[in-house]
Amino acid sequence: MITPVTEQLHQDAIGLDARPLADVAALLAQSQAQAATAPAQSIDPICAGARAMAATIRSGGILRYLAAGSSGLMAASDALELGGTFSIPAEQIRIHMAGGLPTGSVMPGDVEDASDSLSRELADLSPQDTVIAVSASGTTPYTVAAAEMARNTGATVIGIANNAGSKLLQLADHPVLLPTPPELISGSTRMGAGTAQKIALNMLSTLMATELGHIQDGMMINLRADNDKLRARAKGIVCQLTGVSPDRAEAALAEAKGALKCAALLAAGAPSPAAAQALLQDTNDHLRPALAQLKQNNETINLGETK
């Protein structure tokens, strides 16, 4: 039987503990850097998965991040950022982690084999949902069972695994293989495999946000400004997009009740929040074409007034 890559011994592991600490540190850094290149080999399925996630959000479905152990922590860290970063509604995000999210400093190790709770956890799973299932081995019972349930329900499955040909990738509509090398500490997939998973998850959610029109010129234009740092960032973004003064940007954000896209249109000359929202509705919530349409409308009005 062939040992999965995630469980194999690294070529530099023998005698590792007898080497100077600086040597070990250098090897750790190198192995992490090598693992970070893995997502670049799965660009097409990552893009396809991101489009599926965007379709789920548009249709009112639910993004379900599902995993066990350290893969679960990687998945949860991405899911928990979607609200503050892109204002994805909380009711459209679920985190399913074997044994539940840890509330203390101990994470149980036996729960990844337990799939008994999945029928209850996924009772409301629908064909509009997308399941983002993550497993370094690609064979974790909890994750594989969830992918099978999702397939049977008609939900979309994005499978992220570090072993080629694994069961999870076979079940996935969008199989994302992250071919990381053996871990320097054999089987410790929180290291290289986890790094690659984190990058792939970040790519998926960021590309999804791009599809939804929540990113423009490298800025988060659909962020939820719920603290002083984000309010300052929102004001700066409105200034950057429209060229108005900070005071005008702040006034527009107040008029738009913090809705950044609406505020940018108001700052650019939209007569009311309702008019701004109508422009966004016409452009499928994408700000760039909405600003272009507003500029064209204003130019038409000005031309008419000069005749």
C-alpha atoms as a PDB file:
ATOM      1  CA  MET A   1       0.000   0.000   0.000  1.00  0.00           C
ATOM      2  CA  ILE A   2       1.364   3.425  -1.004  1.00  0.00           C
ATOM      3  CA  THR A   3       1.690   5.878   1.862  1.00  0.00           C
ATOM      4  CA  PRO A   4      -0.134   9.157   1.103  1.00  0.00           C
ATOM      5  CA  VAL A   5       2.210  12.082   0.485  1.00  0.00           C
ATOM      6  CA  THR A   6       0.844  13.902   3.539  1.00  0.00           C
ATOM      7  CA  GLU A   7       2.036  10.997   5.710  1.00  0.00           C
ATOM      8  CA  GLN A   8       5.400  10.357   4.084  1.00  0.00           C
ATOM      9  CA  LEU A   9       8.749  11.184   5.690  1.00  0.00           C
ATOM     10  CA  HIS A  10      10.454  14.323   4.437  1.00  0.00           C
ATOM     11  CA  GLN A  11      13.860  13.801   2.823  1.00  0.00           C
ATOM     12  CA  ASP A  12      15.499  16.124   5.389  1.00  0.00           C
ATOM     13  CA  ALA A  13      13.740  14.654   8.432  1.00  0.00           C
ATOM     14  CA  ILE A  14      16.406  12.113   9.442  1.00  0.00           C
ATOM     15  CA  GLY A  15      18.625  13.666  12.099  1.00  0.00           C
ATOM     16  CA  LEU A  16      16.529  16.830  12.148  1.00  0.00           C
ATOM     17  CA  ASP A  17      16.494  16.981  15.939  1.00  0.00           C
ATOM     18  CA  ALA A  18      20.312  16.815  16.086  1.00  0.00           C
ATOM     19  CA  ARG A  19      20.845  19.805  13.803  1.00  0.00           C
ATOM     20  CA  PRO A  20      21.367  23.419  14.948  1.00  0.00           C
ATOM     21  CA  LEU A  21      18.090  25.208  15.555  1.00  0.00           C
ATOM     22  CA  ALA A  22      18.894  27.762  12.863  1.00  0.00           C
ATOM     23  CA  ASP A  23      19.188  24.957  10.294  1.00  0.00           C
ATOM     24  CA  VAL A  24      15.822  23.570  11.332  1.00  0.00           C
ATOM     25  CA  ALA A  25      14.295  27.044  11.134  1.00  0.00           C
ATOM     26  CA  ALA A  26      15.634  27.501   7.606  1.00  0.00           C
ATOM     27  CA  LEU A  27      14.202  24.138   6.535  1.00  0.00           C
ATOM     28  CA  LEU A  28      10.829  25.034   8.022  1.00  0.00           C
ATOM     29  CA  ALA A  29      10.762  28.324   6.129  1.00  0.00           C
ATOM     30  CA  GLN A  30      11.760  26.602   2.894  1.00  0.00           C
ATOM     31  CA  SER A  31       9.104  23.917   3.248  1.00  0.00           C
ATOM     32  CA  GLN A  32       6.413  26.525   3.906  1.00  0.00           C
ATOM     33  CA  ALA A  33       7.513  28.564   0.900  1.00  0.00           C
ATOM     34  CA  GLN A  34       7.401  25.469  -1.300  1.00  0.00           C
ATOM     35  CA  ALA A  35       3.920  24.577  -0.058  1.00  0.00           C
ATOM     36  CA  ALA A  36       2.727  28.100  -0.850  1.00  0.00           C
ATOM     37  CA  THR A  37       3.248  27.461  -4.560  1.00  0.00           C
ATOM     38  CA  ALA A  38       0.779  24.556  -4.663  1.00  0.00           C
ATOM     39  CA  PRO A  39      -2.414  26.601  -5.288  1.00  0.00           C
ATOM     40  CA  ALA A  40      -0.897  28.021  -8.486  1.00  0.00           C
ATOM     41  CA  GLN A  41      -1.308  24.532  -9.979  1.00  0.00           C
ATOM     42  CA  SER A  42      -5.089  24.594  -9.484  1.00  0.00           C
ATOM     43  CA  ILE A  43      -6.038  27.986 -10.913  1.00  0.00           C
ATOM     44  CA  ASP A  44      -8.859  26.702 -13.142  1.00  0.00           C
ATOM     45  CA  PRO A  45     -10.780  24.732 -10.477  1.00  0.00           C
ATOM     46  CA  ILE A  46     -10.262  27.558  -7.966  1.00  0.00           C
ATOM     47  CA  CYS A  47     -11.783  30.052 -10.425  1.00  0.00           C
ATOM     48  CA  ALA A  48     -14.660  27.680 -11.211  1.00  0.00           C
ATOM     49  CA  GLY A  49     -15.262  27.165  -7.506  1.00  0.00           C
ATOM     50  CA  ALA A  50     -15.277  30.913  -6.883  1.00  0.00           C
ATOM     51  CA  ARG A  51     -17.897  31.403  -9.588  1.00  0.00           C
ATOM     52  CA  ALA A  52     -20.030  28.704  -7.952  1.00  0.00           C
ATOM     53  CA  MET A  53     -19.702  30.463  -4.589  1.00  0.00           C
ATOM     54  CA  ALA A  54     -20.769  33.770  -6.148  1.00  0.00           C
ATOM     55  CA  ALA A  55     -23.786  32.082  -7.741  1.00  0.00           C
ATOM     56  CA  THR A  56     -24.736  30.677  -4.346  1.00  0.00           C
ATOM     57  CA  ILE A  57     -24.634  34.121  -2.729  1.00  0.00           C
ATOM     58  CA  ARG A  58     -26.666  35.676  -5.559  1.00  0.00           C
ATOM     59  CA  SER A  59     -29.314  32.940  -5.331  1.00  0.00           C
ATOM     60  CA  GLY A  60     -29.710  33.264  -1.567  1.00  0.00           C
ATOM     61  CA  GLY A  61     -28.015  29.933  -0.880  1.00  0.00           C
ATOM     62  CA  ILE A  62     -25.507  29.130   1.845  1.00  0.00           C
ATOM     63  CA  LEU A  63     -21.738  28.755   1.735  1.00  0.00           C
ATOM     64  CA  ARG A  64     -20.863  25.824   3.968  1.00  0.00           C
ATOM     65  CA  TYR A  65     -17.237  25.528   5.065  1.00  0.00           C
ATOM     66  CA  LEU A  66     -16.683  21.978   6.270  1.00  0.00           C
ATOM     67  CA  ALA A  67     -13.622  20.189   7.629  1.00  0.00           C
ATOM     68  CA  ALA A  68     -11.992  18.555  10.645  1.00  0.00           C
ATOM     69  CA  GLY A  69      -8.891  19.297  12.708  1.00  0.00           C
ATOM     70  CA  SER A  70      -6.390  21.851  11.424  1.00  0.00           C
ATOM     71  CA  SER A  71      -8.145  21.917   8.035  1.00  0.00           C
ATOM     72  CA  GLY A  72     -11.257  22.979   9.936  1.00  0.00           C
ATOM     73  CA  LEU A  73      -9.365  25.859  11.496  1.00  0.00           C
ATOM     74  CA  MET A  74      -8.164  26.992   8.059  1.00  0.00           C
ATOM     75  CA  ALA A  75     -11.707  26.837   6.702  1.00  0.00           C
ATOM     76  CA  ALA A  76     -13.185  28.624   9.709  1.00  0.00           C
ATOM     77  CA  SER A  77     -10.646  31.455   9.540  1.00  0.00           C
ATOM     78  CA  ASP A  78     -11.731  32.232   5.967  1.00  0.00           C
ATOM     79  CA  ALA A  79     -15.440  31.927   6.671  1.00  0.00           C
ATOM     80  CA  LEU A  80     -15.279  34.203   9.704  1.00  0.00           C
ATOM     81  CA  GLU A  81     -13.723  37.027   7.658  1.00  0.00           C
ATOM     82  CA  LEU A  82     -16.374  37.156   4.926  1.00  0.00           C
ATOM     83  CA  GLY A  83     -18.770  39.361   6.853  1.00  0.00           C
ATOM     84  CA  GLY A  84     -16.368  42.097   7.874  1.00  0.00           C
ATOM     85  CA  THR A  85     -14.355  42.077   4.654  1.00  0.00           C
ATOM     86  CA  PHE A  86     -17.064  41.718   2.020  1.00  0.00           C
ATOM     87  CA  SER A  87     -20.347  42.110   3.953  1.00  0.00           C
ATOM     88  CA  ILE A  88     -21.507  38.611   3.054  1.00  0.00           C
ATOM     89  CA  PRO A  89     -24.639  38.120   5.207  1.00  0.00           C
ATOM     90  CA  ALA A  90     -24.077  35.925   8.244  1.00  0.00           C
ATOM     91  CA  GLU A  91     -27.147  33.841   7.389  1.00  0.00           C
ATOM     92  CA  GLN A  92     -25.433  32.791   4.152  1.00  0.00           C
ATOM     93  CA  ILE A  93     -22.341  31.392   5.878  1.00  0.00           C
ATOM     94  CA  ARG A  94     -22.103  28.201   7.928  1.00  0.00           C
ATOM     95  CA  ILE A  95     -19.070  26.585   9.533  1.00  0.00           C
ATOM     96  CA  HIS A  96     -19.288  22.818  10.009  1.00  0.00           C
ATOM     97  CA  MET A  97     -16.306  21.501  11.945  1.00  0.00           C
ATOM     98  CA  ALA A  98     -16.058  17.975  13.255  1.00  0.00           C
ATOM     99  CA  GLY A  99     -16.702  18.188  16.985  1.00  0.00           C
ATOM    100  CA  GLY A 100     -17.618  21.866  16.691  1.00  0.00           C
ATOM    101  CA  LEU A 101     -15.377  24.917  16.793  1.00  0.00           C
ATOM    102  CA  PRO A 102     -12.974  24.735  19.772  1.00  0.00           C
ATOM    103  CA  THR A 103     -13.868  27.056  22.622  1.00  0.00           C
ATOM    104  CA  GLY A 104     -10.682  26.410  24.605  1.00  0.00           C
ATOM    105  CA  SER A 105      -7.111  25.368  23.994  1.00  0.00           C
ATOM    106  CA  VAL A 106      -7.837  21.675  23.357  1.00  0.00           C
ATOM    107  CA  MET A 107      -8.987  20.358  19.996  1.00  0.00           C
ATOM    108  CA  PRO A 108     -10.259  16.749  20.149  1.00  0.00           C
ATOM    109  CA  GLY A 109      -8.642  14.408  17.657  1.00  0.00           C
ATOM    110  CA  ASP A 110     -11.182  11.589  17.479  1.00  0.00           C
ATOM    111  CA  VAL A 111     -14.068  13.575  16.008  1.00  0.00           C
ATOM    112  CA  GLU A 112     -12.834  13.496  12.402  1.00  0.00           C
ATOM    113  CA  ASP A 113     -13.975   9.867  12.248  1.00  0.00           C
ATOM    114  CA  ALA A 114     -17.451  10.719  13.536  1.00  0.00           C
ATOM    115  CA  SER A 115     -19.978  11.567  10.827  1.00  0.00           C
ATOM    116  CA  ASP A 116     -23.079  10.714  12.853  1.00  0.00           C
ATOM    117  CA  SER A 117     -23.899  14.385  13.441  1.00  0.00           C
ATOM    118  CA  LEU A 118     -23.878  15.317   9.749  1.00  0.00           C
ATOM    119  CA  SER A 119     -27.516  14.442   9.090  1.00  0.00           C
ATOM    120  CA  ARG A 120     -28.480  16.979  11.717  1.00  0.00           C
ATOM    121  CA  GLU A 121     -25.877  19.568  10.697  1.00  0.00           C
ATOM    122  CA  LEU A 122     -26.826  19.416   7.027  1.00  0.00           C
ATOM    123  CA  ALA A 123     -30.562  18.911   7.468  1.00  0.00           C
ATOM    124  CA  ASP A 124     -31.353  22.121   5.580  1.00  0.00           C
ATOM    125  CA  LEU A 125     -28.792  21.586   2.801  1.00  0.00           C
ATOM    126  CA  SER A 126     -30.205  22.714  -0.549  1.00  0.00           C
ATOM    127  CA  PRO A 127     -29.176  22.559  -4.228  1.00  0.00           C
ATOM    128  CA  GLN A 128     -28.447  26.323  -4.070  1.00  0.00           C
ATOM    129  CA  ASP A 129     -25.704  25.749  -1.475  1.00  0.00           C
ATOM    130  CA  THR A 130     -21.986  25.341  -2.027  1.00  0.00           C
ATOM    131  CA  VAL A 131     -19.976  23.095   0.293  1.00  0.00           C
ATOM    132  CA  ILE A 132     -16.288  23.979   0.623  1.00  0.00           C
ATOM    133  CA  ALA A 133     -14.859  20.725   1.983  1.00  0.00           C
ATOM    134  CA  VAL A 134     -11.233  20.649   3.114  1.00  0.00           C
ATOM    135  CA  SER A 135      -9.085  17.649   4.042  1.00  0.00           C
ATOM    136  CA  ALA A 136      -5.316  17.315   3.769  1.00  0.00           C
ATOM    137  CA  SER A 137      -5.521  13.557   3.211  1.00  0.00           C
ATOM    138  CA  GLY A 138      -8.688  13.800   1.157  1.00  0.00           C
ATOM    139  CA  THR A 139     -10.028  10.781   3.040  1.00  0.00           C
ATOM    140  CA  THR A 140     -11.239  12.246   6.363  1.00  0.00           C
ATOM    141  CA  PRO A 141     -14.494  10.341   7.105  1.00  0.00           C
ATOM    142  CA  TYR A 142     -16.398  13.406   8.367  1.00  0.00           C
ATOM    143  CA  THR A 143     -15.487  15.471   5.295  1.00  0.00           C
ATOM    144  CA  VAL A 144     -15.983  12.712   2.735  1.00  0.00           C
ATOM    145  CA  ALA A 145     -19.399  11.797   4.180  1.00  0.00           C
ATOM    146  CA  ALA A 146     -20.469  15.449   3.964  1.00  0.00           C
ATOM    147  CA  ALA A 147     -19.337  15.652   0.331  1.00  0.00           C
ATOM    148  CA  GLU A 148     -21.372  12.535  -0.465  1.00  0.00           C
ATOM    149  CA  MET A 149     -24.446  14.050   1.192  1.00  0.00           C
ATOM    150  CA  ALA A 150     -23.961  17.277  -0.724  1.00  0.00           C
ATOM    151  CA  ARG A 151     -23.685  15.428  -4.041  1.00  0.00           C
ATOM    152  CA  ASN A 152     -26.873  13.485  -3.279  1.00  0.00           C
ATOM    153  CA  THR A 153     -28.705  16.732  -2.473  1.00  0.00           C
ATOM    154  CA  GLY A 154     -27.534  18.501  -5.629  1.00  0.00           C
ATOM    155  CA  ALA A 155     -25.403  21.063  -3.785  1.00  0.00           C
ATOM    156  CA  THR A 156     -22.113  22.113  -5.363  1.00  0.00           C
ATOM    157  CA  VAL A 157     -18.972  20.624  -3.814  1.00  0.00           C
ATOM    158  CA  ILE A 158     -15.578  22.314  -3.824  1.00  0.00           C
ATOM    159  CA  GLY A 159     -13.090  19.740  -2.576  1.00  0.00           C
ATOM    160  CA  ILE A 160      -9.685  20.870  -1.328  1.00  0.00           C
ATOM    161  CA  ALA A 161      -7.118  18.147  -0.638  1.00  0.00           C
ATOM    162  CA  ASN A 162      -3.353  17.640  -0.712  1.00  0.00           C
ATOM    163  CA  ASN A 163      -3.285  14.057  -2.006  1.00  0.00           C
ATOM    164  CA  ALA A 164      -3.950  13.368  -5.683  1.00  0.00           C
ATOM    165  CA  GLY A 165      -6.716  10.895  -6.502  1.00  0.00           C
ATOM    166  CA  SER A 166      -8.205  11.050  -3.017  1.00  0.00           C
ATOM    167  CA  LYS A 167     -11.881  10.330  -2.370  1.00  0.00           C
ATOM    168  CA  LEU A 168     -12.783  13.950  -1.635  1.00  0.00           C
ATOM    169  CA  LEU A 169     -11.383  15.139  -4.959  1.00  0.00           C
ATOM    170  CA  GLN A 170     -13.268  12.376  -6.779  1.00  0.00           C
ATOM    171  CA  LEU A 171     -16.539  13.529  -5.210  1.00  0.00           C
ATOM    172  CA  ALA A 172     -16.000  17.239  -5.864  1.00  0.00           C
ATOM    173  CA  ASP A 173     -17.596  19.237  -8.669  1.00  0.00           C
ATOM    174  CA  HIS A 174     -14.552  21.479  -8.423  1.00  0.00           C
ATOM    175  CA  PRO A 175     -11.557  19.418  -7.194  1.00  0.00           C
ATOM    176  CA  VAL A 176      -8.730  21.639  -5.928  1.00  0.00           C
ATOM    177  CA  LEU A 177      -5.560  19.554  -5.616  1.00  0.00           C
ATOM    178  CA  LEU A 178      -2.802  21.196  -3.564  1.00  0.00           C
ATOM    179  CA  PRO A 179       0.223  18.943  -4.182  1.00  0.00           C
ATOM    180  CA  THR A 180       2.351  19.865  -1.178  1.00  0.00           C
ATOM    181  CA  PRO A 181       5.483  17.812  -0.391  1.00  0.00           C
ATOM    182  CA  PRO A 182       5.795  15.631   2.743  1.00  0.00           C
ATOM    183  CA  GLU A 183       5.807  17.630   5.970  1.00  0.00           C
ATOM    184  CA  LEU A 184       9.130  18.245   7.675  1.00  0.00           C
ATOM    185  CA  ILE A 185       7.379  16.861  10.762  1.00  0.00           C
ATOM    186  CA  SER A 186       5.703  13.821   9.258  1.00  0.00           C
ATOM    187  CA  GLY A 187       1.917  14.041   9.199  1.00  0.00           C
ATOM    188  CA  SER A 188       1.771  17.515  10.783  1.00  0.00           C
ATOM    189  CA  THR A 189      -0.484  18.914   8.088  1.00  0.00           C
ATOM    190  CA  ARG A 190      -1.103  22.132   9.998  1.00  0.00           C
ATOM    191  CA  MET A 191       2.221  23.157   8.428  1.00  0.00           C
ATOM    192  CA  GLY A 192       2.748  22.965   4.647  1.00  0.00           C
ATOM    193  CA  ALA A 193      -0.648  21.478   3.788  1.00  0.00           C
ATOM    194  CA  GLY A 194      -2.362  24.020   6.031  1.00  0.00           C
ATOM    195  CA  THR A 195      -0.455  26.891   4.427  1.00  0.00           C
ATOM    196  CA  ALA A 196      -1.557  25.805   0.949  1.00  0.00           C
ATOM    197  CA  GLN A 197      -5.147  25.362   2.147  1.00  0.00           C
ATOM    198  CA  LYS A 198      -5.176  28.834   3.666  1.00  0.00           C
ATOM    199  CA  ILE A 199      -3.976  30.364   0.397  1.00  0.00           C
ATOM    200  CA  ALA A 200      -6.487  28.406  -1.705  1.00  0.00           C
ATOM    201  CA  LEU A 201      -9.352  29.389   0.611  1.00  0.00           C
ATOM    202  CA  ASN A 202      -8.309  33.055   0.493  1.00  0.00           C
ATOM    203  CA  MET A 203      -8.193  32.844  -3.298  1.00  0.00           C
ATOM    204  CA  LEU A 204     -11.655  31.295  -3.498  1.00  0.00           C
ATOM    205  CA  SER A 205     -13.328  33.901  -1.301  1.00  0.00           C
ATOM    206  CA  THR A 206     -11.489  36.835  -2.883  1.00  0.00           C
ATOM    207  CA  LEU A 207     -12.313  35.685  -6.413  1.00  0.00           C
ATOM    208  CA  MET A 208     -15.918  35.184  -5.313  1.00  0.00           C
ATOM    209  CA  ALA A 209     -15.990  38.765  -4.054  1.00  0.00           C
ATOM    210  CA  THR A 210     -14.542  39.957  -7.358  1.00  0.00           C
ATOM    211  CA  GLU A 211     -17.335  38.134  -9.219  1.00  0.00           C
ATOM    212  CA  LEU A 212     -19.891  39.801  -6.937  1.00  0.00           C
ATOM    213  CA  GLY A 213     -18.459  43.268  -7.586  1.00  0.00           C
ATOM    214  CA  HIS A 214     -17.126  43.705  -4.062  1.00  0.00           C
ATOM    215  CA  ILE A 215     -13.564  44.581  -5.131  1.00  0.00           C
ATOM    216  CA  GLN A 216     -12.439  47.472  -7.296  1.00  0.00           C
ATOM    217  CA  ASP A 217      -8.891  48.677  -7.948  1.00  0.00           C
ATOM    218  CA  GLY A 218      -7.685  46.349  -5.212  1.00  0.00           C
ATOM    219  CA  MET A 219     -10.010  47.903  -2.610  1.00  0.00           C
ATOM    220  CA  MET A 220     -12.759  46.284  -0.524  1.00  0.00           C
ATOM    221  CA  ILE A 221     -15.720  48.332  -1.715  1.00  0.00           C
ATOM    222  CA  ASN A 222     -18.352  46.254   0.084  1.00  0.00           C
ATOM    223  CA  LEU A 223     -16.731  46.182   3.517  1.00  0.00           C
ATOM    224  CA  ARG A 224     -18.802  46.586   6.663  1.00  0.00           C
ATOM    225  CA  ALA A 225     -17.459  49.688   8.394  1.00  0.00           C
ATOM    226  CA  ASP A 226     -18.242  48.755  11.989  1.00  0.00           C
ATOM    227  CA  ASN A 227     -15.170  50.141  13.772  1.00  0.00           C
ATOM    228  CA  ASP A 228     -13.038  53.284  13.598  1.00  0.00           C
ATOM    229  CA  LYS A 229     -10.358  51.653  11.436  1.00  0.00           C
ATOM    230  CA  LEU A 230     -12.864  50.460   8.843  1.00  0.00           C
ATOM    231  CA  ARG A 231     -14.782  53.748   8.871  1.00  0.00           C
ATOM    232  CA  ALA A 232     -11.536  55.556   8.106  1.00  0.00           C
ATOM    233  CA  ARG A 233     -10.768  53.021   5.377  1.00  0.00           C
ATOM    234  CA  ALA A 234     -14.239  53.450   3.840  1.00  0.00           C
ATOM    235  CA  LYS A 235     -13.782  57.226   3.738  1.00  0.00           C
ATOM    236  CA  GLY A 236     -10.391  56.820   2.091  1.00  0.00           C
ATOM    237  CA  ILE A 237     -11.844  54.450  -0.515  1.00  0.00           C
ATOM    238  CA  VAL A 238     -14.624  56.890  -1.443  1.00  0.00           C
ATOM    239  CA  CYS A 239     -11.998  59.629  -1.818  1.00  0.00           C
ATOM    240  CA  GLN A 240      -9.816  57.387  -3.971  1.00  0.00           C
ATOM    241  CA  LEU A 241     -12.669  56.312  -6.233  1.00  0.00           C
ATOM    242  CA  THR A 242     -14.286  59.700  -6.739  1.00  0.00           C
ATOM    243  CA  GLY A 243     -11.636  62.333  -6.005  1.00  0.00           C
ATOM    244  CA  VAL A 244     -13.813  64.158  -3.471  1.00  0.00           C
ATOM    245  CA  SER A 245     -12.573  65.675  -0.202  1.00  0.00           C
ATOM    246  CA  PRO A 246     -12.567  63.649   3.024  1.00  0.00           C
ATOM    247  CA  ASP A 247     -15.412  65.803   4.369  1.00  0.00           C
ATOM    248  CA  ARG A 248     -17.537  65.130   1.296  1.00  0.00           C
ATOM    249  CA  ALA A 249     -16.750  61.403   1.506  1.00  0.00           C
ATOM    250  CA  GLU A 250     -17.751  61.325   5.165  1.00  0.00           C
ATOM    251  CA  ALA A 251     -21.019  63.120   4.401  1.00  0.00           C
ATOM    252  CA  ALA A 252     -21.778  60.703   1.577  1.00  0.00           C
ATOM    253  CA  LEU A 253     -21.124  57.710   3.826  1.00  0.00           C
ATOM    254  CA  ALA A 254     -23.469  59.158   6.439  1.00  0.00           C
ATOM    255  CA  GLU A 255     -26.171  59.733   3.817  1.00  0.00           C
ATOM    256  CA  ALA A 256     -25.696  56.181   2.546  1.00  0.00           C
ATOM    257  CA  LYS A 257     -25.805  54.808   6.106  1.00  0.00           C
ATOM    258  CA  GLY A 258     -22.344  53.322   5.665  1.00  0.00           C
ATOM    259  CA  ALA A 259     -23.022  51.542   2.356  1.00  0.00           C
ATOM    260  CA  LEU A 260     -19.763  52.209   0.559  1.00  0.00           C
ATOM    261  CA  LYS A 261     -20.881  51.660  -3.047  1.00  0.00           C
ATOM    262  CA  CYS A 262     -23.897  53.880  -2.539  1.00  0.00           C
ATOM    263  CA  ALA A 263     -21.708  56.511  -0.860  1.00  0.00           C
ATOM    264  CA  ALA A 264     -19.278  56.537  -3.800  1.00  0.00           C
ATOM    265  CA  LEU A 265     -22.141  57.179  -6.204  1.00  0.00           C
ATOM    266  CA  LEU A 266     -23.514  59.949  -4.006  1.00  0.00           C
ATOM    267  CA  ALA A 267     -20.072  61.536  -3.816  1.00  0.00           C
ATOM    268  CA  ALA A 268     -19.848  61.293  -7.604  1.00  0.00           C
ATOM    269  CA  GLY A 269     -23.145  63.148  -8.055  1.00  0.00           C
ATOM    270  CA  ALA A 270     -26.044  60.724  -7.652  1.00  0.00           C
ATOM    271  CA  PRO A 271     -29.022  62.805  -6.464  1.00  0.00           C
ATOM    272  CA  SER A 272     -30.180  60.393  -3.746  1.00  0.00           C
ATOM    273  CA  PRO A 273     -29.469  57.026  -2.136  1.00  0.00           C
ATOM    274  CA  ALA A 274     -32.435  55.602  -4.041  1.00  0.00           C
ATOM    275  CA  ALA A 275     -30.962  56.762  -7.353  1.00  0.00           C
ATOM    276  CA  ALA A 276     -27.604  55.274  -6.387  1.00  0.00           C
ATOM    277  CA  GLN A 277     -29.189  51.942  -5.519  1.00  0.00           C
ATOM    278  CA  ALA A 278     -31.070  51.937  -8.832  1.00  0.00           C
ATOM    279  CA  LEU A 279     -27.769  52.339 -10.688  1.00  0.00           C
ATOM    280  CA  LEU A 280     -26.265  49.447  -8.739  1.00  0.00           C
ATOM    281  CA  GLN A 281     -29.270  47.283  -9.470  1.00  0.00           C
ATOM    282  CA  ASP A 282     -28.879  47.985 -13.187  1.00  0.00           C
ATOM    283  CA  THR A 283     -25.204  46.924 -13.079  1.00  0.00           C
ATOM    284  CA  ASN A 284     -25.659  43.780 -10.952  1.00  0.00           C
ATOM    285  CA  ASP A 285     -24.099  45.557  -7.942  1.00  0.00           C
ATOM    286  CA  HIS A 286     -20.849  46.396  -9.772  1.00  0.00           C
ATOM    287  CA  LEU A 287     -19.691  49.899  -8.931  1.00  0.00           C
ATOM    288  CA  ARG A 288     -17.379  50.615 -11.880  1.00  0.00           C
ATOM    289  CA  PRO A 289     -20.109  50.430 -14.560  1.00  0.00           C
ATOM    290  CA  ALA A 290     -22.499  52.240 -12.209  1.00  0.00           C
ATOM    291  CA  LEU A 291     -20.055  55.148 -11.906  1.00  0.00           C
ATOM    292  CA  ALA A 292     -19.613  55.150 -15.684  1.00  0.00           C
ATOM    293  CA  GLN A 293     -23.378  55.216 -16.185  1.00  0.00           C
ATOM    294  CA  LEU A 294     -23.744  58.049 -13.669  1.00  0.00           C
ATOM    295  CA  LYS A 295     -21.055  60.062 -15.463  1.00  0.00           C
ATOM    296  CA  GLN A 296     -22.797  59.495 -18.790  1.00  0.00           C
ATOM    297  CA  ASN A 297     -26.157  60.519 -17.313  1.00  0.00           C
ATOM    298  CA  ASN A 298     -24.665  63.690 -15.839  1.00  0.00           C
ATOM    299  CA  GLU A 299     -22.978  64.588 -19.119  1.00  0.00           C
ATOM    300  CA  THR A 300     -26.274  64.088 -20.978  1.00  0.00           C
ATOM    301  CA  ILE A 301     -28.070  66.360 -18.510  1.00  0.00           C
ATOM    302  CA  ASN A 302     -25.371  69.032 -18.741  1.00  0.00           C
ATOM    303  CA  LEU A 303     -25.425  68.863 -22.539  1.00  0.00           C
ATOM    304  CA  GLY A 304     -29.177  69.340 -22.540  1.00  0.00           C
ATOM    305  CA  GLU A 305     -28.933  72.326 -20.246  1.00  0.00           C
ATOM    306  CA  THR A 306     -26.422  74.089 -22.496  1.00  0.00           C
ATOM    307  CA  LYS A 307     -28.601  73.815 -25.590  1.00  0.00           C
END
